[in-house]
Amino acid sequence: MVQAPTKITLKEFLKLPETKPCSEYINGQVIQKPMPQGKHSKLQGKLVTAINNLTEAKQTALAFPELRCTFGGRSIVPDVTVFAWERIPVDEDGDIANVFRIVPDWTIEILSPDQSQTKVTGNILHCLDCGSKLGWLIDPKEKSVLVYPAKQQTRILTQNDVLPVPDLISDLRLTVADLFNWLKLSRD
């Protein structure tokens, strides 16, 4: 992770060019996220697809991979964000907006091998403090998910535990085992 040595303002940060991998603005510092690896990318893609398959046609919600969200004094890029359909910003043409200055309804982070769990947890808690309904922290190494429901006790789920989802995506039923089975490759 690359960290800028001096503090800058959020306004200054938002004028900087995007980086690859993306950088986030947290507490006056620019922090570059680690490059996603195989397990991370597979889980991220499958989650976005599974959520959108259940919600997009019904226009109840939409999931986004790596979407910059700027709110509450931070500019972060969660691995997956989910927004209720009616909250998705649109531009003057009625198209989806490029800039999201609102908190997601659901934030999902997938822990990378060299990523700080404390920093990622801090971003999830920031989302919850600003109005998110739910946060997940997926740990591929431990094959577990820390679940952060708004205004409730954090829980760690493993194996056959069913993962809680926001009401707007109540059709999604996944166990922790289902989630990590997405990482298996069949070589038939």
Protein backbone atom coordinates (compact mmCIF):
# COMPACT_ATOMS: atom_id res chain seq x y z
CA MET A 1 0.00 0.00 0.00
CA VAL A 2 1.35 3.41 -0.97
CA GLN A 3 0.55 6.25 1.37
CA ALA A 4 1.06 9.95 0.67
CA PRO A 5 3.32 11.55 3.29
CA THR A 6 1.38 14.80 3.61
CA LYS A 7 -2.26 15.49 4.32
CA ILE A 8 -4.41 17.04 1.63
CA THR A 9 -8.05 18.11 1.50
CA LEU A 10 -10.82 16.04 0.01
CA LYS A 11 -11.31 18.74 -2.62
CA GLU A 12 -7.62 18.48 -3.60
CA PHE A 13 -7.84 14.69 -3.68
CA LEU A 14 -10.84 14.71 -6.02
CA LYS A 15 -8.83 16.79 -8.52
CA LEU A 16 -6.02 14.21 -8.68
CA PRO A 17 -5.94 11.76 -11.60
CA GLU A 18 -7.22 8.26 -10.88
CA THR A 19 -4.59 5.64 -10.06
CA LYS A 20 -4.41 1.92 -10.80
CA PRO A 21 -5.09 0.33 -8.46
CA CYS A 22 -7.36 3.05 -7.15
CA SER A 23 -6.56 5.31 -4.23
CA GLU A 24 -8.85 6.27 -1.41
CA TYR A 25 -9.04 9.42 0.70
CA ILE A 26 -9.23 8.60 4.40
CA ASN A 27 -8.62 11.04 7.24
CA GLY A 28 -6.66 13.48 5.07
CA GLN A 29 -4.42 10.83 3.54
CA VAL A 30 -4.30 9.21 0.13
CA ILE A 31 -4.04 5.44 0.46
CA GLN A 32 -3.66 3.21 -2.57
CA LYS A 33 -5.56 -0.08 -2.47
CA PRO A 34 -3.66 -3.28 -3.29
CA MET A 35 -4.05 -4.76 -6.77
CA PRO A 36 -6.89 -7.33 -6.72
CA GLN A 37 -5.78 -10.93 -7.09
CA GLY A 38 -7.54 -14.06 -8.37
CA LYS A 39 -9.77 -14.99 -5.42
CA HIS A 40 -10.72 -11.37 -4.86
CA SER A 41 -11.64 -10.82 -8.51
CA LYS A 42 -13.65 -14.04 -8.78
CA LEU A 43 -15.68 -13.31 -5.63
CA GLN A 44 -16.25 -9.70 -6.65
CA GLY A 45 -17.48 -10.66 -10.12
CA LYS A 46 -19.77 -13.42 -8.87
CA LEU A 47 -21.30 -11.21 -6.16
CA VAL A 48 -22.05 -8.34 -8.55
CA THR A 49 -23.58 -10.77 -11.07
CA ALA A 50 -25.65 -12.66 -8.47
CA ILE A 51 -27.04 -9.46 -6.96
CA ASN A 52 -27.79 -7.79 -10.30
CA ASN A 53 -29.44 -10.95 -11.67
CA LEU A 54 -31.97 -10.67 -8.82
CA THR A 55 -32.46 -6.90 -8.71
CA GLU A 56 -31.83 -5.13 -12.00
CA ALA A 57 -34.86 -6.33 -13.97
CA LYS A 58 -37.12 -5.59 -10.98
CA GLN A 59 -35.43 -2.21 -10.54
CA THR A 60 -34.98 -2.71 -6.81
CA ALA A 61 -31.20 -2.31 -6.52
CA LEU A 62 -27.96 -2.32 -8.47
CA ALA A 63 -24.51 -3.64 -7.50
CA PHE A 64 -21.30 -1.98 -8.69
CA PRO A 65 -17.71 -3.24 -8.60
CA GLU A 66 -15.01 -0.76 -7.52
CA LEU A 67 -17.23 2.34 -7.54
CA ARG A 68 -15.82 5.52 -6.01
CA CYS A 69 -18.19 6.82 -3.33
CA THR A 70 -17.53 10.21 -1.75
CA PHE A 71 -19.44 11.06 1.42
CA GLY A 72 -18.90 12.00 5.05
CA GLY A 73 -15.44 13.47 4.39
CA ARG A 74 -14.02 10.34 2.71
CA SER A 75 -13.69 9.10 -0.85
CA ILE A 76 -13.54 5.32 -0.85
CA VAL A 77 -13.78 2.53 -3.42
CA PRO A 78 -15.40 -0.52 -1.82
CA ASP A 79 -15.02 -3.79 -3.70
CA VAL A 80 -18.80 -4.00 -4.18
CA THR A 81 -21.43 -1.37 -3.44
CA VAL A 82 -25.17 -1.86 -3.68
CA PHE A 83 -27.66 0.98 -4.01
CA ALA A 84 -31.45 0.94 -3.86
CA TRP A 85 -32.72 1.70 -7.37
CA GLU A 86 -34.40 4.98 -6.44
CA ARG A 87 -31.20 6.28 -4.80
CA ILE A 88 -28.91 5.76 -7.82
CA PRO A 89 -27.82 9.20 -9.03
CA VAL A 90 -28.66 10.15 -12.61
CA ASP A 91 -27.39 12.96 -14.82
CA GLU A 92 -29.42 15.56 -16.71
CA ASP A 93 -30.05 13.03 -19.54
CA GLY A 94 -31.48 10.45 -17.14
CA ASP A 95 -28.39 8.25 -17.51
CA ILE A 96 -26.60 6.80 -14.52
CA ALA A 97 -24.28 9.43 -13.07
CA ASN A 98 -20.52 9.03 -13.08
CA VAL A 99 -20.08 10.59 -9.63
CA PHE A 100 -21.66 9.04 -6.55
CA ARG A 101 -21.64 11.40 -3.57
CA ILE A 102 -23.87 9.18 -1.45
CA VAL A 103 -23.36 6.31 0.94
CA PRO A 104 -24.16 2.83 -0.42
CA ASP A 105 -27.00 0.85 1.11
CA TRP A 106 -24.71 -2.17 1.32
CA THR A 107 -20.92 -2.24 1.21
CA ILE A 108 -18.87 -5.37 0.61
CA GLU A 109 -15.10 -5.62 1.03
CA ILE A 110 -12.96 -8.62 0.10
CA LEU A 111 -9.74 -8.78 2.09
CA SER A 112 -6.60 -9.02 -0.04
CA PRO A 113 -3.48 -10.78 1.32
CA ASP A 114 -1.51 -7.56 1.95
CA GLN A 115 -4.45 -5.39 2.98
CA SER A 116 -5.01 -4.02 6.47
CA GLN A 117 -8.13 -5.52 8.02
CA THR A 118 -8.30 -2.49 10.32
CA LYS A 119 -8.39 -0.03 7.40
CA VAL A 120 -11.03 -2.03 5.56
CA THR A 121 -13.11 -2.38 8.73
CA GLY A 122 -12.77 1.37 9.23
CA ASN A 123 -14.29 1.98 5.80
CA ILE A 124 -17.19 -0.38 6.53
CA LEU A 125 -17.84 1.33 9.88
CA HIS A 126 -17.68 4.74 8.16
CA CYS A 127 -20.35 3.56 5.70
CA LEU A 128 -22.54 2.34 8.57
CA ASP A 129 -22.07 5.60 10.49
CA CYS A 130 -23.21 7.49 7.38
CA GLY A 131 -26.32 5.37 6.75
CA SER A 132 -25.42 2.03 5.13
CA LYS A 133 -27.70 -0.79 6.20
CA LEU A 134 -25.15 -3.59 6.03
CA GLY A 135 -21.46 -4.32 5.54
CA TRP A 136 -19.62 -7.54 4.77
CA LEU A 137 -15.91 -8.20 5.15
CA ILE A 138 -15.05 -11.36 3.23
CA ASP A 139 -11.82 -13.09 4.23
CA PRO A 140 -10.85 -15.66 1.56
CA LYS A 141 -7.89 -16.96 3.58
CA GLU A 142 -10.04 -17.74 6.65
CA LYS A 143 -13.11 -18.64 4.54
CA SER A 144 -15.23 -16.47 6.79
CA VAL A 145 -17.35 -13.35 6.56
CA LEU A 146 -17.59 -10.64 9.18
CA VAL A 147 -21.10 -9.18 8.99
CA TYR A 148 -21.74 -5.63 10.15
CA PRO A 149 -25.48 -4.95 10.41
CA ALA A 150 -26.39 -1.31 11.10
CA LYS A 151 -26.74 -0.62 14.82
CA GLN A 152 -26.22 -4.29 15.74
CA GLN A 153 -23.48 -6.56 16.98
CA THR A 154 -20.87 -7.65 14.41
CA ARG A 155 -20.95 -11.39 13.72
CA ILE A 156 -18.48 -13.79 12.15
CA LEU A 157 -20.07 -16.38 9.87
CA THR A 158 -18.55 -19.60 8.55
CA GLN A 159 -19.52 -22.76 6.64
CA ASN A 160 -23.30 -23.25 6.48
CA ASP A 161 -24.24 -19.92 8.07
CA VAL A 162 -26.67 -18.01 5.83
CA LEU A 163 -25.40 -14.55 4.98
CA PRO A 164 -27.80 -11.74 5.87
CA VAL A 165 -28.72 -9.32 3.08
CA PRO A 166 -30.60 -6.01 3.05
CA ASP A 167 -34.38 -6.19 2.57
CA LEU A 168 -34.11 -4.79 -0.95
CA ILE A 169 -32.26 -7.98 -1.97
CA SER A 170 -34.20 -10.49 0.11
CA ASP A 171 -34.19 -13.03 -2.76
CA LEU A 172 -30.44 -13.57 -2.42
CA ARG A 173 -29.80 -16.65 -0.31
CA LEU A 174 -26.16 -17.57 0.14
CA THR A 175 -24.30 -19.50 2.77
CA VAL A 176 -20.64 -18.83 3.49
CA ALA A 177 -19.87 -22.22 1.91
CA ASP A 178 -21.77 -21.21 -1.26
CA LEU A 179 -19.73 -18.03 -1.46
CA PHE A 180 -16.38 -19.80 -1.21
CA ASN A 181 -17.48 -22.62 -3.53
CA TRP A 182 -17.37 -19.96 -6.27
CA LEU A 183 -13.58 -20.21 -5.98
CA LYS A 184 -13.52 -23.89 -7.00
CA LEU A 185 -12.56 -24.62 -10.59
CA SER A 186 -13.73 -27.74 -12.33
CA ARG A 187 -11.10 -29.21 -14.66
CA ASP A 188 -13.41 -31.71 -16.38
